[in-house]
């Protein structure tokens, strides 16, 4: 295998990973600017799923066509989808950190306020509220919040990738599969 072929696969993965991340960032910014976080929660979730599945699908199909000579095993499809979304995870984690530190510095504080409000409305005791808020404060630092946001995106895309790989696989009729390590 020559070096240009290897670059093609990783270039395709990078292209669709960045497209995935940029579309999710654009959606987040639109929701933030229009201040519609609560009013379009379900629609926002559907749009996120559409973005993740469509960019993964297009990236897997492009790799199947350009790198794997039109054939793709289930495992190769899963691997490609994973790497596309892993790259998007890194970009989204970086963006989330920038968002909570510079764009909306009150974002994490609002999470703390909402968490305490929910505990009070549930009727939790002062001791339970104090303990719960201690844990919430530990995990609502910019670093942890951005880390968990990126990882959450990666894990939530896993089921979609596993299903998508079923529909994007195309077996070589001669049973000669290309290896993902080629």
C-alpha atoms as a PDB file:
ATOM      1  CA  UNK A   1       0.000   0.000   0.000  1.00  0.00           C
ATOM      2  CA  UNK A   2       1.339   3.408  -0.859  1.00  0.00           C
ATOM      3  CA  UNK A   3       1.292   6.384   1.470  1.00  0.00           C
ATOM      4  CA  UNK A   4      -1.298   8.342  -0.502  1.00  0.00           C
ATOM      5  CA  UNK A   5      -3.896   5.615  -0.017  1.00  0.00           C
ATOM      6  CA  UNK A   6      -3.404   5.656   3.773  1.00  0.00           C
ATOM      7  CA  UNK A   7      -3.727   9.416   3.801  1.00  0.00           C
ATOM      8  CA  UNK A   8      -6.951   9.221   1.838  1.00  0.00           C
ATOM      9  CA  UNK A   9      -8.663   7.127   4.522  1.00  0.00           C
ATOM     10  CA  UNK A  10      -7.547   9.423   7.333  1.00  0.00           C
ATOM     11  CA  UNK A  11      -8.327  12.523   5.290  1.00  0.00           C
ATOM     12  CA  UNK A  12     -11.869  11.264   4.783  1.00  0.00           C
ATOM     13  CA  UNK A  13     -12.203  10.470   8.485  1.00  0.00           C
ATOM     14  CA  UNK A  14     -10.873  13.935   9.380  1.00  0.00           C
ATOM     15  CA  UNK A  15     -13.153  15.659   6.873  1.00  0.00           C
ATOM     16  CA  UNK A  16     -16.328  14.046   8.175  1.00  0.00           C
ATOM     17  CA  UNK A  17     -15.241  14.258  11.815  1.00  0.00           C
ATOM     18  CA  UNK A  18     -14.749  18.008  11.461  1.00  0.00           C
ATOM     19  CA  UNK A  19     -18.009  18.409   9.537  1.00  0.00           C
ATOM     20  CA  UNK A  20     -19.799  16.493  12.306  1.00  0.00           C
ATOM     21  CA  UNK A  21     -18.289  18.725  15.005  1.00  0.00           C
ATOM     22  CA  UNK A  22     -18.818  21.985  13.115  1.00  0.00           C
ATOM     23  CA  UNK A  23     -22.483  21.212  12.445  1.00  0.00           C
ATOM     24  CA  UNK A  24     -23.047  20.345  16.117  1.00  0.00           C
ATOM     25  CA  UNK A  25     -21.256  23.539  17.183  1.00  0.00           C
ATOM     26  CA  UNK A  26     -23.375  25.590  14.760  1.00  0.00           C
ATOM     27  CA  UNK A  27     -26.541  23.983  16.143  1.00  0.00           C
ATOM     28  CA  UNK A  28     -25.421  24.714  19.703  1.00  0.00           C
ATOM     29  CA  UNK A  29     -24.686  28.339  18.869  1.00  0.00           C
ATOM     30  CA  UNK A  30     -28.033  28.792  17.108  1.00  0.00           C
ATOM     31  CA  UNK A  31     -29.865  27.387  20.124  1.00  0.00           C
ATOM     32  CA  UNK A  32     -27.787  29.591  22.449  1.00  0.00           C
ATOM     33  CA  UNK A  33     -28.224  32.783  20.407  1.00  0.00           C
ATOM     34  CA  UNK A  34     -31.981  32.271  20.042  1.00  0.00           C
ATOM     35  CA  UNK A  35     -32.202  31.384  23.747  1.00  0.00           C
ATOM     36  CA  UNK A  36     -34.335  28.359  22.919  1.00  0.00           C
ATOM     37  CA  UNK A  37     -32.574  25.715  25.020  1.00  0.00           C
ATOM     38  CA  UNK A  38     -35.724  24.585  26.783  1.00  0.00           C
ATOM     39  CA  UNK A  39     -38.314  25.195  24.072  1.00  0.00           C
ATOM     40  CA  UNK A  40     -36.758  22.963  21.395  1.00  0.00           C
ATOM     41  CA  UNK A  41     -35.168  20.257  23.543  1.00  0.00           C
ATOM     42  CA  UNK A  42     -36.708  17.323  21.656  1.00  0.00           C
ATOM     43  CA  UNK A  43     -36.137  18.893  18.237  1.00  0.00           C
ATOM     44  CA  UNK A  44     -32.542  19.662  19.215  1.00  0.00           C
ATOM     45  CA  UNK A  45     -31.986  16.011  20.153  1.00  0.00           C
ATOM     46  CA  UNK A  46     -33.418  14.849  16.819  1.00  0.00           C
ATOM     47  CA  UNK A  47     -31.184  17.282  14.920  1.00  0.00           C
ATOM     48  CA  UNK A  48     -28.123  16.037  16.822  1.00  0.00           C
ATOM     49  CA  UNK A  49     -28.965  12.438  15.921  1.00  0.00           C
ATOM     50  CA  UNK A  50     -29.460  13.391  12.270  1.00  0.00           C
ATOM     51  CA  UNK A  51     -26.117  15.223  12.150  1.00  0.00           C
ATOM     52  CA  UNK A  52     -24.183  12.393  13.816  1.00  0.00           C
ATOM     53  CA  UNK A  53     -25.765   9.627  11.729  1.00  0.00           C
ATOM     54  CA  UNK A  54     -25.565  11.486   8.408  1.00  0.00           C
ATOM     55  CA  UNK A  55     -21.937  12.576   8.757  1.00  0.00           C
ATOM     56  CA  UNK A  56     -20.945   9.096   9.910  1.00  0.00           C
ATOM     57  CA  UNK A  57     -22.857   7.517   7.032  1.00  0.00           C
ATOM     58  CA  UNK A  58     -21.340   9.815   4.429  1.00  0.00           C
ATOM     59  CA  UNK A  59     -17.838   9.285   5.837  1.00  0.00           C
ATOM     60  CA  UNK A  60     -18.188   5.504   5.891  1.00  0.00           C
ATOM     61  CA  UNK A  61     -19.588   5.428   2.344  1.00  0.00           C
ATOM     62  CA  UNK A  62     -16.783   7.716   1.104  1.00  0.00           C
ATOM     63  CA  UNK A  63     -14.139   5.455   2.675  1.00  0.00           C
ATOM     64  CA  UNK A  64     -15.833   2.352   1.308  1.00  0.00           C
ATOM     65  CA  UNK A  65     -15.811   3.841  -2.172  1.00  0.00           C
ATOM     66  CA  UNK A  66     -12.404   5.528  -2.229  1.00  0.00           C
ATOM     67  CA  UNK A  67     -10.302   3.355   0.067  1.00  0.00           C
ATOM     68  CA  UNK A  68     -11.849  -0.097   0.250  1.00  0.00           C
ATOM     69  CA  UNK A  69     -12.641  -0.498  -3.471  1.00  0.00           C
ATOM     70  CA  UNK A  70     -16.382  -0.512  -2.843  1.00  0.00           C
ATOM     71  CA  UNK A  71     -16.340  -3.241  -0.184  1.00  0.00           C
ATOM     72  CA  UNK A  72     -16.533  -2.930   3.582  1.00  0.00           C
ATOM     73  CA  UNK A  73     -16.867  -5.355   6.465  1.00  0.00           C
ATOM     74  CA  UNK A  74     -19.034  -4.686   9.482  1.00  0.00           C
ATOM     75  CA  UNK A  75     -15.954  -4.175  11.677  1.00  0.00           C
ATOM     76  CA  UNK A  76     -14.403  -1.713   9.253  1.00  0.00           C
ATOM     77  CA  UNK A  77     -17.650   0.286   9.228  1.00  0.00           C
ATOM     78  CA  UNK A  78     -17.730   0.367  13.014  1.00  0.00           C
ATOM     79  CA  UNK A  79     -14.076   1.446  13.121  1.00  0.00           C
ATOM     80  CA  UNK A  80     -14.586   4.217  10.592  1.00  0.00           C
ATOM     81  CA  UNK A  81     -17.684   5.514  12.403  1.00  0.00           C
ATOM     82  CA  UNK A  82     -15.836   5.377  15.710  1.00  0.00           C
ATOM     83  CA  UNK A  83     -12.871   7.393  14.411  1.00  0.00           C
ATOM     84  CA  UNK A  84     -15.118   9.975  12.754  1.00  0.00           C
ATOM     85  CA  UNK A  85     -16.976  10.491  16.023  1.00  0.00           C
ATOM     86  CA  UNK A  86     -13.807  10.329  18.134  1.00  0.00           C
ATOM     87  CA  UNK A  87     -12.393  13.279  16.212  1.00  0.00           C
ATOM     88  CA  UNK A  88     -15.706  15.100  16.596  1.00  0.00           C
ATOM     89  CA  UNK A  89     -15.532  14.316  20.336  1.00  0.00           C
ATOM     90  CA  UNK A  90     -12.150  16.055  20.661  1.00  0.00           C
ATOM     91  CA  UNK A  91     -13.323  19.119  18.735  1.00  0.00           C
ATOM     92  CA  UNK A  92     -16.575  19.297  20.725  1.00  0.00           C
ATOM     93  CA  UNK A  93     -14.732  18.986  24.037  1.00  0.00           C
ATOM     94  CA  UNK A  94     -12.469  21.885  23.066  1.00  0.00           C
ATOM     95  CA  UNK A  95     -15.449  23.947  21.906  1.00  0.00           C
ATOM     96  CA  UNK A  96     -17.397  23.169  25.099  1.00  0.00           C
ATOM     97  CA  UNK A  97     -14.475  24.351  27.199  1.00  0.00           C
ATOM     98  CA  UNK A  98     -14.314  27.610  25.200  1.00  0.00           C
ATOM     99  CA  UNK A  99     -18.107  27.963  25.489  1.00  0.00           C
ATOM    100  CA  UNK A 100     -18.312  27.596  29.274  1.00  0.00           C
ATOM    101  CA  UNK A 101     -15.220  29.698  29.966  1.00  0.00           C
ATOM    102  CA  UNK A 102     -15.563  32.549  27.451  1.00  0.00           C
ATOM    103  CA  UNK A 103     -18.925  32.563  25.644  1.00  0.00           C
ATOM    104  CA  UNK A 104     -21.267  31.849  28.573  1.00  0.00           C
ATOM    105  CA  UNK A 105     -19.300  31.954  31.835  1.00  0.00           C
ATOM    106  CA  UNK A 106     -22.555  31.729  33.838  1.00  0.00           C
ATOM    107  CA  UNK A 107     -23.529  28.432  32.184  1.00  0.00           C
ATOM    108  CA  UNK A 108     -22.037  26.164  34.854  1.00  0.00           C
ATOM    109  CA  UNK A 109     -23.318  28.375  37.665  1.00  0.00           C
ATOM    110  CA  UNK A 110     -26.816  28.097  36.171  1.00  0.00           C
ATOM    111  CA  UNK A 111     -26.475  24.303  36.261  1.00  0.00           C
ATOM    112  CA  UNK A 112     -25.642  24.522  39.970  1.00  0.00           C
ATOM    113  CA  UNK A 113     -28.660  26.754  40.602  1.00  0.00           C
ATOM    114  CA  UNK A 114     -30.994  24.441  38.657  1.00  0.00           C
ATOM    115  CA  UNK A 115     -29.628  21.391  40.474  1.00  0.00           C
ATOM    116  CA  UNK A 116     -30.228  22.936  43.880  1.00  0.00           C
ATOM    117  CA  UNK A 117     -33.691  24.088  42.809  1.00  0.00           C
ATOM    118  CA  UNK A 118     -34.603  20.536  41.714  1.00  0.00           C
ATOM    119  CA  UNK A 119     -33.399  19.101  45.027  1.00  0.00           C
ATOM    120  CA  UNK A 120     -35.435  21.633  47.005  1.00  0.00           C
ATOM    121  CA  UNK A 121     -38.551  20.959  44.885  1.00  0.00           C
ATOM    122  CA  UNK A 122     -38.116  17.216  45.511  1.00  0.00           C
ATOM    123  CA  UNK A 123     -38.112  17.922  49.210  1.00  0.00           C
ATOM    124  CA  UNK A 124     -34.568  16.715  49.912  1.00  0.00           C
ATOM    125  CA  UNK A 125     -33.160  17.463  53.354  1.00  0.00           C
ATOM    126  CA  UNK A 126     -30.482  20.114  53.861  1.00  0.00           C
ATOM    127  CA  UNK A 127     -27.907  17.372  54.406  1.00  0.00           C
ATOM    128  CA  UNK A 128     -28.810  15.616  51.145  1.00  0.00           C
ATOM    129  CA  UNK A 129     -28.766  18.930  49.279  1.00  0.00           C
ATOM    130  CA  UNK A 130     -25.339  19.825  50.715  1.00  0.00           C
ATOM    131  CA  UNK A 131     -23.901  16.423  49.768  1.00  0.00           C
ATOM    132  CA  UNK A 132     -25.483  16.495  46.319  1.00  0.00           C
ATOM    133  CA  UNK A 133     -24.292  20.018  45.613  1.00  0.00           C
ATOM    134  CA  UNK A 134     -20.787  19.029  46.679  1.00  0.00           C
ATOM    135  CA  UNK A 135     -20.767  16.332  44.002  1.00  0.00           C
ATOM    136  CA  UNK A 136     -22.349  18.579  41.384  1.00  0.00           C
ATOM    137  CA  UNK A 137     -19.712  21.268  42.033  1.00  0.00           C
ATOM    138  CA  UNK A 138     -16.900  18.733  41.572  1.00  0.00           C
ATOM    139  CA  UNK A 139     -18.112  17.779  38.104  1.00  0.00           C
ATOM    140  CA  UNK A 140     -19.190  21.184  36.840  1.00  0.00           C
ATOM    141  CA  UNK A 141     -15.747  22.623  36.378  1.00  0.00           C
ATOM    142  CA  UNK A 142     -14.986  23.677  32.793  1.00  0.00           C
ATOM    143  CA  UNK A 143     -12.525  20.804  32.344  1.00  0.00           C
ATOM    144  CA  UNK A 144     -14.813  18.022  33.581  1.00  0.00           C
ATOM    145  CA  UNK A 145     -17.894  19.447  31.907  1.00  0.00           C
ATOM    146  CA  UNK A 146     -16.171  19.676  28.507  1.00  0.00           C
ATOM    147  CA  UNK A 147     -14.647  16.216  28.932  1.00  0.00           C
ATOM    148  CA  UNK A 148     -17.997  14.634  29.775  1.00  0.00           C
ATOM    149  CA  UNK A 149     -19.765  16.529  26.978  1.00  0.00           C
ATOM    150  CA  UNK A 150     -17.369  15.110  24.387  1.00  0.00           C
ATOM    151  CA  UNK A 151     -17.445  11.602  25.834  1.00  0.00           C
ATOM    152  CA  UNK A 152     -21.215  11.742  26.079  1.00  0.00           C
ATOM    153  CA  UNK A 153     -21.391  12.512  22.384  1.00  0.00           C
ATOM    154  CA  UNK A 154     -19.057   9.618  21.586  1.00  0.00           C
ATOM    155  CA  UNK A 155     -21.013   7.109  23.688  1.00  0.00           C
ATOM    156  CA  UNK A 156     -24.392   8.293  22.427  1.00  0.00           C
ATOM    157  CA  UNK A 157     -23.214   7.887  18.842  1.00  0.00           C
ATOM    158  CA  UNK A 158     -22.058   4.306  19.511  1.00  0.00           C
ATOM    159  CA  UNK A 159     -25.473   2.698  18.991  1.00  0.00           C
ATOM    160  CA  UNK A 160     -25.971   4.634  15.776  1.00  0.00           C
ATOM    161  CA  UNK A 161     -22.547   3.557  14.517  1.00  0.00           C
ATOM    162  CA  UNK A 162     -23.209  -0.095  15.325  1.00  0.00           C
ATOM    163  CA  UNK A 163     -26.491   0.020  13.411  1.00  0.00           C
ATOM    164  CA  UNK A 164     -25.067   2.099  10.589  1.00  0.00           C
ATOM    165  CA  UNK A 165     -22.269  -0.407  10.013  1.00  0.00           C
ATOM    166  CA  UNK A 166     -24.898  -3.063   9.283  1.00  0.00           C
ATOM    167  CA  UNK A 167     -26.349  -0.990   6.455  1.00  0.00           C
ATOM    168  CA  UNK A 168     -23.064   0.250   5.006  1.00  0.00           C
ATOM    169  CA  UNK A 169     -21.247  -3.049   4.822  1.00  0.00           C
ATOM    170  CA  UNK A 170     -20.801  -4.566   1.420  1.00  0.00           C
ATOM    171  CA  UNK A 171     -19.122  -7.919   1.170  1.00  0.00           C
ATOM    172  CA  UNK A 172     -16.592  -8.714  -1.509  1.00  0.00           C
ATOM    173  CA  UNK A 173     -18.127 -11.506  -3.610  1.00  0.00           C
ATOM    174  CA  UNK A 174     -14.696 -13.141  -3.768  1.00  0.00           C
ATOM    175  CA  UNK A 175     -14.366 -12.959   0.044  1.00  0.00           C
ATOM    176  CA  UNK A 176     -11.193 -10.903  -0.203  1.00  0.00           C
ATOM    177  CA  UNK A 177     -11.636  -8.190   2.376  1.00  0.00           C
ATOM    178  CA  UNK A 178      -9.460  -5.175   2.735  1.00  0.00           C
ATOM    179  CA  UNK A 179      -7.977  -4.831   6.179  1.00  0.00           C
ATOM    180  CA  UNK A 180      -8.546  -1.675   8.182  1.00  0.00           C
ATOM    181  CA  UNK A 181      -4.814  -1.795   8.888  1.00  0.00           C
ATOM    182  CA  UNK A 182      -3.885  -1.656   5.184  1.00  0.00           C
END
